[in-house]
């Protein structure tokens, strides 16, 4: 969640079928992409730097229709090149590589259905992730939280308020905030505990949602809406 990879210029995040290099779905979230892998055998998350204008145009609408079938060409940026299925997957993953694309002329049996399922799971998980991020925003205190919360959590664990033993960091917080050291300890403890507990709950909910979504094909009307509504209800009651 809260991914930064999607901001990279011309980087497309894809779930790719290892057998034929077919792109199952596109996502703007690395965490969603990684979650989808658990629901499809022999699939892999791939970040591709696409520079060909025609290829970029095709990818922009790729999730709108499962009848489209495109594969990637490792290390190529040419729509006319032949597919090379012999790929060293150890070199492909979350490091952007320049790819070309190729239309799959003869789709394997079940590819269109697999794409439908991948697209719908991607859509559902993306919406659920947005909900989690909305709840996560409630515990943001400042732009320094990514550094402050882990650091101060460790400092708090070293203190012993019953013996009036506090770390230098807590003492400095007291001076900077105009509190006595015990008040500073209580304030920092409240901030870090709230942030850590909420983050833990959100991660647990995300794991639950991923497991549930990867069990469903979403080919029946109304299932998408029900799962998203259930996720919202679970988050409201569990936080």
Protein backbone atom coordinates (compact mmCIF):
# COMPACT_ATOMS: atom_id res chain seq x y z
CA UNK A 1 0.00 0.00 0.00
CA UNK A 2 0.93 3.65 -0.36
CA UNK A 3 3.12 2.58 -3.29
CA UNK A 4 5.65 4.88 -4.96
CA UNK A 5 6.59 2.65 -7.89
CA UNK A 6 3.59 3.81 -9.93
CA UNK A 7 4.96 7.36 -10.08
CA UNK A 8 7.93 6.32 -12.20
CA UNK A 9 7.73 7.59 -15.73
CA UNK A 10 6.49 5.06 -18.30
CA UNK A 11 6.60 2.19 -15.80
CA UNK A 12 3.76 -0.29 -16.16
CA UNK A 13 3.05 -2.84 -13.44
CA UNK A 14 1.79 -6.12 -14.82
CA UNK A 15 0.81 -9.60 -13.70
CA UNK A 16 2.41 -11.89 -16.28
CA UNK A 17 1.75 -15.53 -17.08
CA UNK A 18 5.14 -17.26 -17.18
CA UNK A 19 4.10 -19.87 -19.75
CA UNK A 20 3.41 -17.55 -22.67
CA UNK A 21 4.46 -14.15 -21.24
CA UNK A 22 0.82 -13.07 -21.56
CA UNK A 23 -0.22 -10.05 -19.51
CA UNK A 24 -3.10 -11.05 -17.25
CA UNK A 25 -3.84 -7.62 -15.82
CA UNK A 26 -2.38 -4.17 -15.15
CA UNK A 27 -2.22 -2.49 -11.75
CA UNK A 28 -1.05 0.82 -10.34
CA UNK A 29 -0.13 -0.81 -7.03
CA UNK A 30 2.80 -3.11 -6.27
CA UNK A 31 1.04 -4.52 -3.21
CA UNK A 32 -2.04 -5.41 -5.25
CA UNK A 33 0.15 -6.99 -7.89
CA UNK A 34 1.99 -9.09 -5.31
CA UNK A 35 -1.32 -10.09 -3.74
CA UNK A 36 -2.67 -11.31 -7.08
CA UNK A 37 0.26 -13.70 -7.53
CA UNK A 38 -1.13 -15.85 -4.73
CA UNK A 39 -4.27 -16.52 -6.77
CA UNK A 40 -2.68 -17.55 -10.06
CA UNK A 41 -0.27 -20.42 -10.50
CA UNK A 42 2.85 -19.74 -12.55
CA UNK A 43 2.39 -15.97 -12.56
CA UNK A 44 4.86 -13.23 -11.67
CA UNK A 45 4.67 -9.47 -10.97
CA UNK A 46 6.66 -7.46 -13.49
CA UNK A 47 7.55 -3.77 -13.77
CA UNK A 48 8.07 -2.80 -17.39
CA UNK A 49 9.31 0.44 -18.86
CA UNK A 50 7.20 0.86 -21.97
CA UNK A 51 8.26 3.63 -24.37
CA UNK A 52 6.53 2.72 -27.64
CA UNK A 53 3.50 5.08 -28.04
CA UNK A 54 1.31 2.37 -29.61
CA UNK A 55 2.15 -0.03 -26.81
CA UNK A 56 1.31 2.56 -24.15
CA UNK A 57 -2.00 3.27 -25.85
CA UNK A 58 -2.88 -0.42 -25.87
CA UNK A 59 -2.06 -0.82 -22.17
CA UNK A 60 -4.20 2.14 -21.12
CA UNK A 61 -7.36 0.23 -22.04
CA UNK A 62 -6.07 -3.29 -21.42
CA UNK A 63 -8.09 -3.96 -18.27
CA UNK A 64 -11.32 -2.83 -19.92
CA UNK A 65 -11.66 -5.94 -22.08
CA UNK A 66 -10.42 -9.45 -21.32
CA UNK A 67 -10.63 -10.29 -25.01
CA UNK A 68 -7.42 -8.35 -25.58
CA UNK A 69 -4.35 -10.56 -25.36
CA UNK A 70 -0.88 -9.03 -25.22
CA UNK A 71 2.44 -10.58 -24.26
CA UNK A 72 5.73 -8.96 -23.32
CA UNK A 73 9.08 -9.19 -25.09
CA UNK A 74 11.86 -9.12 -22.52
CA UNK A 75 14.36 -6.36 -23.16
CA UNK A 76 12.76 -5.25 -26.43
CA UNK A 77 10.76 -2.20 -27.41
CA UNK A 78 9.52 -3.36 -30.78
CA UNK A 79 5.99 -4.62 -31.44
CA UNK A 80 7.20 -6.76 -34.35
CA UNK A 81 9.72 -8.92 -32.50
CA UNK A 82 9.07 -12.61 -31.90
CA UNK A 83 8.26 -13.84 -28.41
CA UNK A 84 11.10 -15.52 -26.54
CA UNK A 85 9.56 -17.79 -23.87
CA UNK A 86 12.97 -18.70 -22.42
CA UNK A 87 13.18 -16.04 -19.74
CA UNK A 88 15.46 -15.95 -16.74
CA UNK A 89 12.86 -14.82 -14.21
CA UNK A 90 15.54 -14.13 -11.63
CA UNK A 91 16.37 -11.01 -13.64
CA UNK A 92 12.75 -9.92 -14.07
CA UNK A 93 10.59 -8.51 -11.31
CA UNK A 94 10.37 -5.23 -9.47
CA UNK A 95 13.29 -3.59 -11.29
CA UNK A 96 11.94 -1.80 -14.37
CA UNK A 97 13.21 -3.25 -17.65
CA UNK A 98 12.38 -1.97 -21.13
CA UNK A 99 9.79 -4.24 -22.75
CA UNK A 100 8.17 -4.54 -26.12
CA UNK A 101 4.66 -5.90 -26.59
CA UNK A 102 3.19 -8.45 -28.96
CA UNK A 103 -0.43 -9.33 -29.68
CA UNK A 104 -1.13 -12.99 -28.93
CA UNK A 105 -2.69 -14.32 -32.08
CA UNK A 106 -3.56 -17.79 -30.77
CA UNK A 107 -4.74 -17.63 -27.20
CA UNK A 108 -4.38 -20.71 -25.04
CA UNK A 109 -7.58 -22.29 -23.78
CA UNK A 110 -8.82 -20.48 -20.73
CA UNK A 111 -6.66 -17.36 -21.22
CA UNK A 112 -9.64 -15.01 -21.68
CA UNK A 113 -11.35 -16.42 -18.57
CA UNK A 114 -8.13 -16.10 -16.60
CA UNK A 115 -7.84 -12.48 -17.72
CA UNK A 116 -11.43 -11.75 -16.65
CA UNK A 117 -10.75 -13.14 -13.19
CA UNK A 118 -7.43 -11.27 -12.90
CA UNK A 119 -9.01 -7.97 -13.96
CA UNK A 120 -11.85 -8.30 -11.47
CA UNK A 121 -9.62 -9.35 -8.59
CA UNK A 122 -7.33 -6.43 -9.41
CA UNK A 123 -10.28 -4.05 -9.39
CA UNK A 124 -11.61 -5.35 -6.06
CA UNK A 125 -8.23 -5.35 -4.30
CA UNK A 126 -7.45 -1.85 -5.58
CA UNK A 127 -10.72 -0.55 -4.14
CA UNK A 128 -10.12 -2.33 -0.83
CA UNK A 129 -6.57 -0.96 -0.69
CA UNK A 130 -7.95 2.56 -1.14
CA UNK A 131 -10.23 1.98 1.84
CA UNK A 132 -7.31 0.77 3.95
CA UNK A 133 -5.29 3.83 2.99
CA UNK A 134 -8.20 6.04 4.01
CA UNK A 135 -8.22 4.47 7.47
CA UNK A 136 -4.40 4.56 7.63
CA UNK A 137 -4.47 8.32 7.01
CA UNK A 138 -6.19 8.80 10.37
CA UNK A 139 -2.98 7.94 12.24
CA UNK A 140 -0.71 10.25 10.24
CA UNK A 141 0.63 12.92 12.59
CA UNK A 142 3.29 14.52 10.40
CA UNK A 143 5.39 14.01 7.29
CA UNK A 144 8.11 12.57 9.55
CA UNK A 145 6.05 9.60 10.79
CA UNK A 146 7.96 7.03 8.71
CA UNK A 147 11.08 7.92 10.69
CA UNK A 148 9.53 9.01 13.98
CA UNK A 149 7.15 6.12 14.76
CA UNK A 150 9.72 3.27 14.49
CA UNK A 151 12.40 5.32 16.26
CA UNK A 152 10.24 6.55 19.11
CA UNK A 153 8.61 3.12 19.54
CA UNK A 154 12.08 1.75 20.23
CA UNK A 155 12.86 4.61 22.61
CA UNK A 156 9.62 4.10 24.52
CA UNK A 157 10.42 0.40 24.97
CA UNK A 158 13.67 1.37 26.72
CA UNK A 159 11.93 3.55 29.30
CA UNK A 160 10.70 2.49 32.74
CA UNK A 161 8.24 5.12 34.02
CA UNK A 162 7.82 3.35 37.39
CA UNK A 163 11.51 3.97 38.06
CA UNK A 164 11.51 7.37 36.34
CA UNK A 165 13.97 6.09 33.77
CA UNK A 166 13.63 7.77 30.35
CA UNK A 167 15.84 7.93 27.30
CA UNK A 168 17.47 11.10 26.02
CA UNK A 169 15.02 11.17 23.11
CA UNK A 170 12.03 11.32 25.45
CA UNK A 171 13.78 13.98 27.52
CA UNK A 172 14.38 16.05 24.39
CA UNK A 173 10.73 15.66 23.40
CA UNK A 174 9.79 17.00 26.83
CA UNK A 175 11.97 20.09 26.38
CA UNK A 176 10.81 20.75 22.82
CA UNK A 177 7.12 20.34 23.64
CA UNK A 178 7.13 22.15 26.99
CA UNK A 179 6.16 19.10 29.04
CA UNK A 180 7.74 17.36 31.96
CA UNK A 181 9.47 14.11 31.07
CA UNK A 182 6.69 11.84 32.34
CA UNK A 183 4.08 13.75 30.34
CA UNK A 184 6.34 13.52 27.30
CA UNK A 185 6.64 9.76 27.79
CA UNK A 186 2.86 9.36 28.04
CA UNK A 187 2.30 11.50 24.96
CA UNK A 188 4.87 9.63 22.84
CA UNK A 189 3.59 6.29 24.10
CA UNK A 190 0.03 7.20 23.11
CA UNK A 191 1.06 8.37 19.62
CA UNK A 192 3.26 5.37 18.83
CA UNK A 193 0.92 2.77 20.36
CA UNK A 194 -2.07 4.09 18.41
CA UNK A 195 -0.12 4.13 15.14
CA UNK A 196 1.37 0.67 15.64
CA UNK A 197 -1.90 -0.99 16.67
CA UNK A 198 -3.82 0.53 13.76
CA UNK A 199 -1.09 -0.43 11.28
CA UNK A 200 -1.09 -3.98 12.64
CA UNK A 201 -4.86 -4.25 12.30
CA UNK A 202 -4.81 -2.88 8.76
CA UNK A 203 -2.14 -5.37 7.72
CA UNK A 204 -4.18 -8.19 9.24
CA UNK A 205 -7.31 -7.02 7.42
CA UNK A 206 -5.37 -6.76 4.14
CA UNK A 207 -4.12 -10.34 4.51
CA UNK A 208 -7.69 -11.50 5.19
CA UNK A 209 -9.07 -9.63 2.16
CA UNK A 210 -6.34 -10.95 -0.16
CA UNK A 211 -7.02 -14.54 0.87
CA UNK A 212 -10.75 -14.08 0.36
CA UNK A 213 -10.47 -12.35 -3.02
CA UNK A 214 -8.04 -14.95 -4.39
CA UNK A 215 -10.64 -17.66 -3.73
CA UNK A 216 -13.30 -15.99 -5.90
CA UNK A 217 -13.61 -15.67 -9.68
CA UNK A 218 -16.10 -12.74 -9.58
CA UNK A 219 -17.85 -14.06 -12.69
CA UNK A 220 -21.26 -13.94 -11.00
CA UNK A 221 -23.16 -10.65 -10.98
CA UNK A 222 -23.15 -8.80 -7.69
CA UNK A 223 -20.18 -10.56 -6.12
CA UNK A 224 -17.78 -7.64 -6.67
CA UNK A 225 -20.13 -5.18 -4.99
CA UNK A 226 -20.81 -7.54 -2.08
CA UNK A 227 -17.13 -8.17 -1.35
CA UNK A 228 -16.32 -4.46 -1.41
CA UNK A 229 -19.28 -3.65 0.85
CA UNK A 230 -18.28 -6.43 3.26
CA UNK A 231 -14.74 -5.04 3.36
CA UNK A 232 -16.01 -1.59 4.30
CA UNK A 233 -18.21 -3.04 7.04
CA UNK A 234 -15.34 -5.13 8.41
CA UNK A 235 -13.04 -2.10 8.52
CA UNK A 236 -15.63 0.07 10.25
CA UNK A 237 -16.31 -2.51 12.92
CA UNK A 238 -12.69 -3.58 13.38
CA UNK A 239 -10.94 -0.23 13.83
